[in-house]
Amino acid sequence: MGSVSDTGSETSASAPPPFARLLATMLPEAGQTHLLRACLHEGDRARAAWQQYAAARPVRPTAGQSVSRDQKVLSPLLCDALEKNGLPLSAFMRTWVRSASLREEARYATWRAILEEVVEALAEYDGHVLFLGGTALAHSVWPRPALRHSHGLELWVPETEAADGSLQDLRRRLGRVGFQPVSPGANRPTSADAAQPPWQFRHTSDLALTMRRRPFAIPHYSMDFATVWQRRRSILLGQRTFDALGPADQLVYTCVEACCTRYRESLNWACDAWYLLAAADDLPWRSLLQTAEAWHASLALWITFGYLREELDAPIPAFVMAELTQRARQSTADDRLAALVGARQGRRGGARLLLRGAADLSEWVSIARHLLLPSPRYFRWTVADHRPTLLPYYYLRHGLRPWLVRGRGMLKRTLAPLAQRGGRTSRGAA
């Protein structure tokens, strides 16, 4: 009896957490990992990583279409690595990354000027505002702000201030520097950004600004504004400063947000976390683990921290991974539902791929049940302006959606030859 119990205990202790393979679909693929190493590492390691990347995904010096999206987003970092580490790039790629880097430098100059105007406009604002995303990281831990490609600005305001109407002054201040609200019909929230969709603004230069009432796109992950406000840090920008999350909170936020939205495909999150870890010599790891538990983020951190430590050699202590692994094995049904919602947002989030990644029959059944007949909580998390009375409609729409998508595809394939034939007939008549 004793030996059987011991063996079972050892097996349980060594088993991966639930949904481990599903979570892995949110991580960079092998080729993307080689590209990240080439950009982030130094010397021989960076050059070897680029050679591995180029061997698996050669770049033909013919047209811009042969340049991957990953290379486009990371082009400033690639150019920096080319100068610093002498990456063995082809003549075409050398020219391309340098041109792309110059374009990004020019883009950053415009972005920086707008950011300074926003910070100036917020200087006398009586409320509380935290800058999220790449804005704070580019100006604090990255080697140079222009190396990080940013799509826009993200602000977080507490829900209490959003609810009492005190944001009218904030909106007016943003309006004075060129930001106007975007109508809901012109910029609808993504499916995982529901329940409380963020307010979207657009600058006259077309720069986007997002004002969030909660930090994460999936409501399961929680973050108390008052708590993180006490741990905030001020970042210098010109003659002014702006407030952002403290280093430990920023690290947790960066990794959890990567598990929530499709924007993780840009790979910026991995660079952000890597630079954060490189810049922080004395992170309060015990406090960080408590934060992860309070924010229901242990499962998300287990997969992202594991990737950073194992694939990018990020300095994450072994005891942190051991604690996260133990908590991930004890994850709740809501933790796993949040993981599934996040996985569905990426380009590898198709139902077939997720089911194929199930570790065993029990996990396959669990994933299939979530996909086919999700809980009411799933709709509360994923439906914008959710209304409990419409729950039957949400289930009906969820069940019909795959068939509607398939029917639309069949209709397109049927009509395409007819359209081509009609085009040839009209050209012949002409």
Protein backbone atom coordinates (compact mmCIF):
# COMPACT_ATOMS: atom_id res chain seq x y z
CA MET A 1 0.00 0.00 0.00
CA GLY A 2 2.76 2.40 0.97
CA SER A 3 4.66 1.93 -2.30
CA VAL A 4 1.55 2.46 -4.41
CA SER A 5 0.76 5.66 -2.55
CA ASP A 6 4.29 6.95 -2.92
CA THR A 7 4.33 6.20 -6.64
CA GLY A 8 1.02 7.95 -7.14
CA SER A 9 2.30 10.95 -5.22
CA GLU A 10 5.44 11.15 -7.32
CA THR A 11 3.43 10.84 -10.53
CA SER A 12 1.11 13.63 -9.40
CA ALA A 13 4.04 15.82 -8.44
CA SER A 14 5.70 15.39 -11.83
CA ALA A 15 2.54 15.67 -13.96
CA PRO A 16 2.12 18.90 -15.94
CA PRO A 17 -0.68 21.26 -14.88
CA PRO A 18 -4.07 20.98 -16.58
CA PHE A 19 -4.36 22.56 -20.03
CA ALA A 20 -0.56 22.73 -20.33
CA ARG A 21 -0.59 22.05 -24.08
CA LEU A 22 -3.49 24.42 -24.61
CA LEU A 23 -1.56 27.16 -22.84
CA ALA A 24 1.48 26.42 -24.99
CA THR A 25 -0.44 27.58 -28.07
CA MET A 26 -0.15 31.12 -26.70
CA LEU A 27 3.66 31.03 -26.69
CA PRO A 28 5.98 31.98 -29.56
CA GLU A 29 6.79 29.15 -31.97
CA ALA A 30 10.30 27.78 -32.47
CA GLY A 31 11.19 30.15 -35.31
CA GLN A 32 9.91 33.15 -33.38
CA THR A 33 11.99 32.07 -30.39
CA HIS A 34 15.14 32.01 -32.54
CA LEU A 35 14.30 35.52 -33.73
CA LEU A 36 13.80 36.75 -30.15
CA ARG A 37 17.14 35.26 -29.10
CA ALA A 38 18.86 36.96 -32.03
CA CYS A 39 17.41 40.30 -30.93
CA LEU A 40 17.84 39.99 -27.16
CA HIS A 41 21.00 37.96 -26.64
CA GLU A 42 24.55 39.09 -27.37
CA GLY A 43 27.63 37.89 -29.20
CA ASP A 44 27.89 34.32 -30.44
CA ARG A 45 24.54 33.35 -28.95
CA ALA A 46 22.74 36.04 -30.93
CA ARG A 47 24.55 35.15 -34.16
CA ALA A 48 23.84 31.42 -33.71
CA ALA A 49 20.16 32.15 -33.05
CA TRP A 50 19.88 34.19 -36.26
CA GLN A 51 21.54 31.43 -38.27
CA GLN A 52 19.01 28.93 -36.88
CA TYR A 53 16.17 31.29 -37.70
CA ALA A 54 17.40 31.99 -41.24
CA ALA A 55 18.03 28.30 -41.92
CA ALA A 56 14.47 27.37 -41.04
CA ARG A 57 12.91 30.44 -42.66
CA PRO A 58 15.16 31.81 -45.39
CA VAL A 59 14.50 35.34 -46.58
CA ARG A 60 14.63 35.75 -50.33
CA PRO A 61 16.09 39.10 -51.48
CA THR A 62 13.27 39.66 -53.92
CA ALA A 63 10.26 41.48 -52.48
CA GLY A 64 8.92 42.88 -49.24
CA GLN A 65 6.36 40.08 -49.03
CA SER A 66 9.15 37.68 -48.08
CA VAL A 67 9.71 39.63 -44.84
CA SER A 68 7.66 38.14 -42.01
CA ARG A 69 5.42 40.12 -39.70
CA ASP A 70 7.70 39.21 -36.79
CA GLN A 71 10.65 40.79 -38.57
CA LYS A 72 8.63 43.93 -39.30
CA VAL A 73 7.61 44.43 -35.67
CA LEU A 74 11.09 43.67 -34.35
CA SER A 75 12.98 45.47 -37.14
CA PRO A 76 14.38 48.22 -34.85
CA LEU A 77 15.72 45.55 -32.48
CA LEU A 78 17.12 43.58 -35.40
CA CYS A 79 18.94 46.67 -36.65
CA ASP A 80 20.33 47.27 -33.16
CA ALA A 81 21.47 43.64 -32.94
CA LEU A 82 23.04 43.94 -36.40
CA GLU A 83 25.16 46.87 -35.26
CA LYS A 84 25.94 45.44 -31.82
CA ASN A 85 26.47 41.75 -32.59
CA GLY A 86 27.24 41.68 -36.30
CA LEU A 87 24.37 39.38 -37.20
CA PRO A 88 25.03 37.46 -40.43
CA LEU A 89 22.21 39.08 -42.39
CA SER A 90 21.98 38.99 -46.16
CA ALA A 91 22.59 42.21 -48.11
CA PHE A 92 18.84 42.50 -48.70
CA MET A 93 18.03 42.12 -44.99
CA ARG A 94 20.73 44.57 -43.92
CA THR A 95 19.27 47.23 -46.19
CA TRP A 96 15.73 46.40 -45.18
CA VAL A 97 16.22 46.46 -41.38
CA ARG A 98 18.16 49.71 -41.55
CA SER A 99 15.44 51.35 -43.65
CA ALA A 100 12.75 50.01 -41.33
CA SER A 101 14.66 51.26 -38.30
CA LEU A 102 14.89 54.75 -39.79
CA ARG A 103 11.14 54.73 -40.44
CA GLU A 104 10.53 53.68 -36.84
CA GLU A 105 12.79 56.46 -35.57
CA ALA A 106 10.74 59.00 -37.54
CA ARG A 107 7.50 57.44 -36.30
CA TYR A 108 8.75 57.57 -32.71
CA ALA A 109 9.57 61.29 -33.02
CA THR A 110 5.91 61.97 -33.88
CA TRP A 111 4.67 59.59 -31.18
CA ARG A 112 6.97 61.16 -28.58
CA ALA A 113 5.70 64.68 -29.33
CA ILE A 114 2.08 63.54 -28.88
CA LEU A 115 2.97 61.67 -25.68
CA GLU A 116 4.57 64.80 -24.23
CA GLU A 117 1.39 66.74 -25.00
CA VAL A 118 -0.73 64.08 -23.26
CA VAL A 119 1.53 64.05 -20.20
CA GLU A 120 1.40 67.85 -20.09
CA ALA A 121 -2.39 67.79 -20.37
CA LEU A 122 -2.65 65.31 -17.48
CA ALA A 123 -0.28 67.22 -15.22
CA GLU A 124 -3.08 69.23 -13.58
CA TYR A 125 -5.71 66.48 -13.69
CA ASP A 126 -7.11 65.82 -10.22
CA GLY A 127 -7.92 62.15 -10.81
CA HIS A 128 -5.74 59.06 -11.00
CA VAL A 129 -4.27 57.74 -14.25
CA LEU A 130 -1.73 54.96 -14.85
CA PHE A 131 0.01 54.43 -18.19
CA LEU A 132 -0.09 50.80 -19.32
CA GLY A 133 1.54 48.88 -22.13
CA GLY A 134 4.64 49.81 -24.03
CA THR A 135 4.64 53.52 -23.21
CA ALA A 136 6.08 53.06 -19.73
CA LEU A 137 8.38 50.19 -20.67
CA ALA A 138 9.86 51.89 -23.73
CA HIS A 139 10.87 54.86 -21.56
CA SER A 140 12.14 52.89 -18.57
CA VAL A 141 13.67 49.49 -19.36
CA TRP A 142 14.26 49.32 -23.13
CA PRO A 143 17.73 50.43 -24.32
CA ARG A 144 16.11 53.18 -26.42
CA PRO A 145 12.41 54.04 -26.66
CA ALA A 146 12.46 53.99 -30.48
CA LEU A 147 13.44 50.30 -30.47
CA ARG A 148 9.95 49.32 -29.32
CA HIS A 149 7.15 49.50 -31.85
CA SER A 150 4.00 50.78 -30.15
CA HIS A 151 0.53 50.91 -31.66
CA GLY A 152 -0.79 53.64 -29.37
CA LEU A 153 -1.24 54.84 -25.81
CA GLU A 154 -3.08 52.98 -23.05
CA LEU A 155 -4.38 54.60 -19.86
CA TRP A 156 -6.01 52.94 -16.87
CA VAL A 157 -8.47 54.93 -14.78
CA PRO A 158 -10.17 53.47 -11.67
CA GLU A 159 -13.74 52.29 -12.07
CA THR A 160 -14.88 54.55 -9.23
CA GLU A 161 -13.85 57.64 -11.18
CA ALA A 162 -15.38 56.24 -14.36
CA ALA A 163 -18.65 55.63 -12.55
CA ASP A 164 -19.03 59.04 -10.88
CA GLY A 165 -18.63 61.01 -14.10
CA SER A 166 -15.40 62.75 -13.12
CA LEU A 167 -13.78 61.71 -16.39
CA GLN A 168 -15.36 64.54 -18.34
CA ASP A 169 -12.42 66.76 -17.39
CA LEU A 170 -9.99 64.06 -18.56
CA ARG A 171 -11.81 63.77 -21.90
CA ARG A 172 -11.70 67.53 -22.38
CA ARG A 173 -7.97 67.58 -21.68
CA LEU A 174 -7.38 64.84 -24.24
CA GLY A 175 -9.54 66.71 -26.73
CA ARG A 176 -7.34 69.80 -26.40
CA VAL A 177 -4.32 67.84 -27.62
CA GLY A 178 -6.11 66.32 -30.61
CA PHE A 179 -7.77 63.13 -29.30
CA GLN A 180 -11.42 62.62 -30.20
CA PRO A 181 -13.70 59.74 -29.10
CA VAL A 182 -14.23 56.99 -31.64
CA SER A 183 -17.82 55.88 -32.11
CA PRO A 184 -18.58 52.29 -30.99
CA GLY A 185 -19.65 51.32 -34.49
CA ALA A 186 -16.34 52.45 -35.98
CA ASN A 187 -14.17 50.66 -33.43
CA ARG A 188 -15.92 47.74 -31.74
CA PRO A 189 -14.19 45.99 -28.83
CA THR A 190 -12.65 42.57 -29.39
CA SER A 191 -14.60 39.58 -28.13
CA ALA A 192 -12.33 39.09 -25.11
CA ASP A 193 -12.53 42.76 -24.15
CA ALA A 194 -16.20 42.63 -23.30
CA ALA A 195 -18.44 43.53 -20.36
CA GLN A 196 -16.62 46.85 -19.91
CA PRO A 197 -15.19 47.70 -23.33
CA PRO A 198 -12.49 50.38 -23.18
CA TRP A 199 -13.05 53.86 -24.49
CA GLN A 200 -11.24 54.45 -27.75
CA PHE A 201 -9.82 57.78 -28.89
CA ARG A 202 -8.07 58.74 -32.11
CA HIS A 203 -5.56 61.55 -32.58
CA THR A 204 -5.59 63.79 -35.63
CA SER A 205 -2.34 62.03 -36.64
CA ASP A 206 -4.24 58.70 -36.44
CA LEU A 207 -2.52 57.59 -33.21
CA ALA A 208 -4.86 55.51 -31.04
CA LEU A 209 -5.46 56.00 -27.32
CA THR A 210 -7.28 53.43 -25.20
CA MET A 211 -8.74 54.33 -21.82
CA ARG A 212 -9.37 51.21 -19.74
CA ARG A 213 -11.65 50.90 -16.75
CA ARG A 214 -10.03 47.59 -15.85
CA PRO A 215 -6.54 46.45 -16.82
CA PHE A 216 -7.17 42.99 -18.29
CA ALA A 217 -9.32 41.97 -21.22
CA ILE A 218 -10.55 38.86 -19.36
CA PRO A 219 -12.43 39.77 -16.15
CA HIS A 220 -11.18 36.68 -14.27
CA TYR A 221 -7.81 38.36 -13.85
CA SER A 222 -8.23 41.09 -11.26
CA MET A 223 -6.02 43.99 -10.20
CA ASP A 224 -6.88 46.45 -7.45
CA PHE A 225 -6.15 50.00 -8.57
CA ALA A 226 -5.65 51.37 -5.05
CA THR A 227 -3.07 48.69 -4.25
CA VAL A 228 -0.97 49.14 -7.38
CA TRP A 229 -1.30 52.92 -7.12
CA GLN A 230 0.57 52.77 -3.83
CA ARG A 231 3.37 50.83 -5.58
CA ARG A 232 3.45 52.97 -8.72
CA ARG A 233 6.59 54.55 -10.13
CA SER A 234 7.09 57.87 -11.88
CA ILE A 235 8.86 57.93 -15.24
CA LEU A 236 10.60 61.05 -16.48
CA LEU A 237 9.63 62.36 -19.91
CA GLY A 238 11.22 65.69 -20.79
CA GLN A 239 10.33 68.12 -18.01
CA ARG A 240 7.36 66.09 -16.76
CA THR A 241 6.75 62.67 -15.22
CA PHE A 242 3.93 60.18 -15.70
CA ASP A 243 2.76 57.35 -13.44
CA ALA A 244 3.05 53.66 -14.34
CA LEU A 245 2.92 50.29 -12.61
CA GLY A 246 5.79 49.34 -10.34
CA PRO A 247 8.32 46.85 -11.77
CA ALA A 248 6.85 43.71 -10.16
CA ASP A 249 3.25 44.69 -10.98
CA GLN A 250 4.33 45.59 -14.52
CA LEU A 251 5.95 42.18 -15.01
CA VAL A 252 2.80 40.37 -13.89
CA TYR A 253 0.60 42.63 -16.00
CA THR A 254 2.74 42.14 -19.12
CA CYS A 255 2.66 38.35 -18.89
CA VAL A 256 -1.00 38.04 -17.98
CA GLU A 257 -2.11 40.45 -20.71
CA ALA A 258 -0.18 38.30 -23.19
CA CYS A 259 -2.52 35.45 -22.25
CA CYS A 260 -5.62 37.57 -22.88
CA THR A 261 -5.45 39.07 -26.35
CA ARG A 262 -4.22 38.44 -29.88
CA TYR A 263 -1.67 41.25 -29.51
CA ARG A 264 0.77 38.71 -28.07
CA GLU A 265 1.45 37.72 -31.68
CA SER A 266 3.61 40.84 -32.02
CA LEU A 267 6.18 39.29 -29.59
CA ASN A 268 6.56 42.64 -27.83
CA TRP A 269 5.38 41.10 -24.57
CA ALA A 270 8.39 38.74 -24.46
CA CYS A 271 10.80 41.62 -25.09
CA ASP A 272 9.04 43.75 -22.47
CA ALA A 273 9.31 41.02 -19.83
CA TRP A 274 12.91 40.21 -20.76
CA TYR A 275 14.02 43.84 -20.42
CA LEU A 276 12.07 44.22 -17.19
CA LEU A 277 13.85 41.23 -15.69
CA ALA A 278 17.22 42.42 -16.96
CA ALA A 279 16.73 45.86 -15.41
CA ALA A 280 15.34 44.73 -12.04
CA ASP A 281 18.07 43.39 -9.77
CA ASP A 282 15.97 42.91 -6.64
CA LEU A 283 12.42 42.06 -7.57
CA PRO A 284 10.31 41.12 -4.51
CA TRP A 285 9.60 37.61 -5.72
CA ARG A 286 7.66 36.50 -2.62
CA SER A 287 5.44 39.55 -2.89
CA LEU A 288 5.06 38.92 -6.63
CA LEU A 289 3.81 35.39 -5.94
CA GLN A 290 1.25 36.77 -3.50
CA THR A 291 0.16 39.25 -6.15
CA ALA A 292 -0.22 36.46 -8.71
CA GLU A 293 -2.44 34.51 -6.35
CA ALA A 294 -4.57 37.55 -5.54
CA TRP A 295 -5.00 38.33 -9.24
CA HIS A 296 -5.83 34.67 -10.14
CA ALA A 297 -2.80 34.76 -12.43
CA SER A 298 -0.72 31.77 -11.29
CA LEU A 299 -1.62 29.61 -14.31
CA ALA A 300 -0.88 32.44 -16.77
CA LEU A 301 2.43 33.21 -15.07
CA TRP A 302 3.42 29.55 -14.97
CA ILE A 303 3.32 29.28 -18.77
CA THR A 304 4.83 32.70 -19.56
CA PHE A 305 7.52 32.64 -16.87
CA GLY A 306 8.43 29.10 -17.90
CA TYR A 307 8.93 30.23 -21.49
CA LEU A 308 11.01 33.25 -20.49
CA ARG A 309 13.22 31.16 -18.21
CA GLU A 310 13.70 28.10 -20.40
CA GLU A 311 13.74 29.60 -23.90
CA LEU A 312 15.15 33.10 -23.36
CA ASP A 313 17.28 32.43 -20.24
CA ALA A 314 15.51 35.13 -18.26
CA PRO A 315 16.66 35.36 -14.61
CA ILE A 316 13.59 33.89 -12.90
CA PRO A 317 14.47 31.97 -9.71
CA ALA A 318 13.81 28.24 -9.56
CA PHE A 319 11.73 28.55 -6.38
CA VAL A 320 9.35 30.91 -8.19
CA MET A 321 8.78 28.35 -10.94
CA ALA A 322 8.34 25.58 -8.39
CA GLU A 323 5.69 27.59 -6.53
CA LEU A 324 3.87 28.54 -9.73
CA THR A 325 3.93 24.93 -10.94
CA GLN A 326 2.34 23.75 -7.71
CA ARG A 327 -0.36 26.41 -7.93
CA ALA A 328 -0.97 25.70 -11.62
CA ARG A 329 -1.67 22.04 -10.78
CA GLN A 330 -4.28 23.27 -8.32
CA SER A 331 -5.92 25.66 -10.78
CA THR A 332 -9.67 26.14 -10.56
CA ALA A 333 -12.29 25.69 -13.27
CA ASP A 334 -12.40 29.47 -13.73
CA ASP A 335 -8.61 29.56 -14.15
CA ARG A 336 -8.86 27.00 -16.94
CA LEU A 337 -11.80 28.79 -18.54
CA ALA A 338 -9.80 32.03 -18.60
CA ALA A 339 -6.91 30.14 -20.22
CA LEU A 340 -9.25 28.78 -22.90
CA VAL A 341 -10.75 32.21 -23.61
CA GLY A 342 -7.25 33.64 -23.97
CA ALA A 343 -6.05 30.81 -26.19
CA ARG A 344 -9.00 31.32 -28.52
CA GLN A 345 -7.84 34.86 -29.26
CA GLY A 346 -4.64 33.84 -31.03
CA ARG A 347 -4.11 32.57 -34.56
CA ARG A 348 -3.54 29.09 -33.13
CA GLY A 349 -6.76 29.20 -31.17
CA GLY A 350 -8.89 27.11 -33.52
CA ALA A 351 -11.02 24.38 -31.97
CA ARG A 352 -9.29 21.54 -33.82
CA LEU A 353 -5.82 22.63 -32.77
CA LEU A 354 -6.85 23.06 -29.14
CA LEU A 355 -8.52 19.64 -29.05
CA ARG A 356 -5.50 18.06 -30.71
CA GLY A 357 -3.35 19.41 -27.89
CA ALA A 358 -5.32 17.72 -25.10
CA ALA A 359 -3.07 15.64 -22.85
CA ASP A 360 -5.60 12.83 -22.32
CA LEU A 361 -9.23 11.89 -22.87
CA SER A 362 -10.40 13.67 -19.73
CA GLU A 363 -8.79 16.92 -20.83
CA TRP A 364 -10.15 16.48 -24.37
CA VAL A 365 -13.67 16.13 -22.98
CA SER A 366 -13.19 19.19 -20.78
CA ILE A 367 -11.98 21.34 -23.69
CA ALA A 368 -14.75 20.03 -25.97
CA ARG A 369 -17.39 20.84 -23.34
CA HIS A 370 -16.08 24.39 -22.98
CA LEU A 371 -16.07 24.82 -26.77
CA LEU A 372 -19.48 23.28 -27.49
CA LEU A 373 -21.48 24.13 -24.37
CA PRO A 374 -19.68 26.85 -22.40
CA SER A 375 -20.84 28.03 -19.00
CA PRO A 376 -22.84 31.26 -18.60
CA ARG A 377 -19.69 32.81 -17.17
CA TYR A 378 -18.02 32.41 -20.59
CA PHE A 379 -20.60 34.73 -22.12
CA ARG A 380 -20.29 37.23 -19.27
CA TRP A 381 -16.59 37.41 -20.08
CA THR A 382 -16.78 37.50 -23.85
CA VAL A 383 -19.97 39.31 -24.88
CA ALA A 384 -19.87 43.09 -25.04
CA ASP A 385 -22.70 44.72 -23.07
CA HIS A 386 -23.74 41.33 -21.71
CA ARG A 387 -27.39 41.03 -20.65
CA PRO A 388 -28.49 38.01 -18.57
CA THR A 389 -31.92 37.97 -20.21
CA LEU A 390 -30.29 37.28 -23.59
CA LEU A 391 -28.45 34.17 -22.41
CA PRO A 392 -30.56 31.78 -24.59
CA TYR A 393 -29.74 33.92 -27.63
CA TYR A 394 -26.02 33.80 -26.80
CA TYR A 395 -26.13 29.99 -26.67
CA LEU A 396 -28.04 29.82 -29.97
CA ARG A 397 -25.60 32.18 -31.68
CA HIS A 398 -22.64 30.26 -30.29
CA GLY A 399 -24.00 26.97 -31.64
CA LEU A 400 -24.84 28.34 -35.08
CA ARG A 401 -21.62 30.32 -35.62
CA PRO A 402 -19.45 27.40 -36.91
CA TRP A 403 -22.13 26.44 -39.43
CA LEU A 404 -22.58 30.03 -40.57
CA VAL A 405 -18.83 30.41 -41.07
CA ARG A 406 -18.70 27.13 -42.98
CA GLY A 407 -21.69 28.12 -45.12
CA ARG A 408 -20.13 31.48 -45.91
CA GLY A 409 -16.95 29.75 -47.02
CA MET A 410 -18.86 27.31 -49.25
CA LEU A 411 -20.79 30.20 -50.80
CA LYS A 412 -17.59 32.07 -51.59
CA ARG A 413 -16.02 29.00 -53.19
CA THR A 414 -19.17 28.46 -55.27
CA LEU A 415 -19.44 32.05 -56.47
CA ALA A 416 -15.73 32.59 -57.16
CA PRO A 417 -15.66 30.56 -60.46
CA LEU A 418 -18.85 32.27 -61.62
CA ALA A 419 -17.35 35.70 -60.94
CA GLN A 420 -14.17 34.77 -62.83
CA ARG A 421 -16.21 33.42 -65.74
CA GLY A 422 -18.29 36.60 -65.84
CA GLY A 423 -15.13 38.70 -65.87
CA ARG A 424 -13.70 36.78 -68.81
CA THR A 425 -17.00 37.11 -70.70
CA SER A 426 -17.13 40.88 -70.22
CA ARG A 427 -13.51 41.28 -71.32
CA GLY A 428 -14.21 39.15 -74.42
CA ALA A 429 -17.21 41.26 -75.32
CA ALA A 430 -15.18 44.40 -74.99
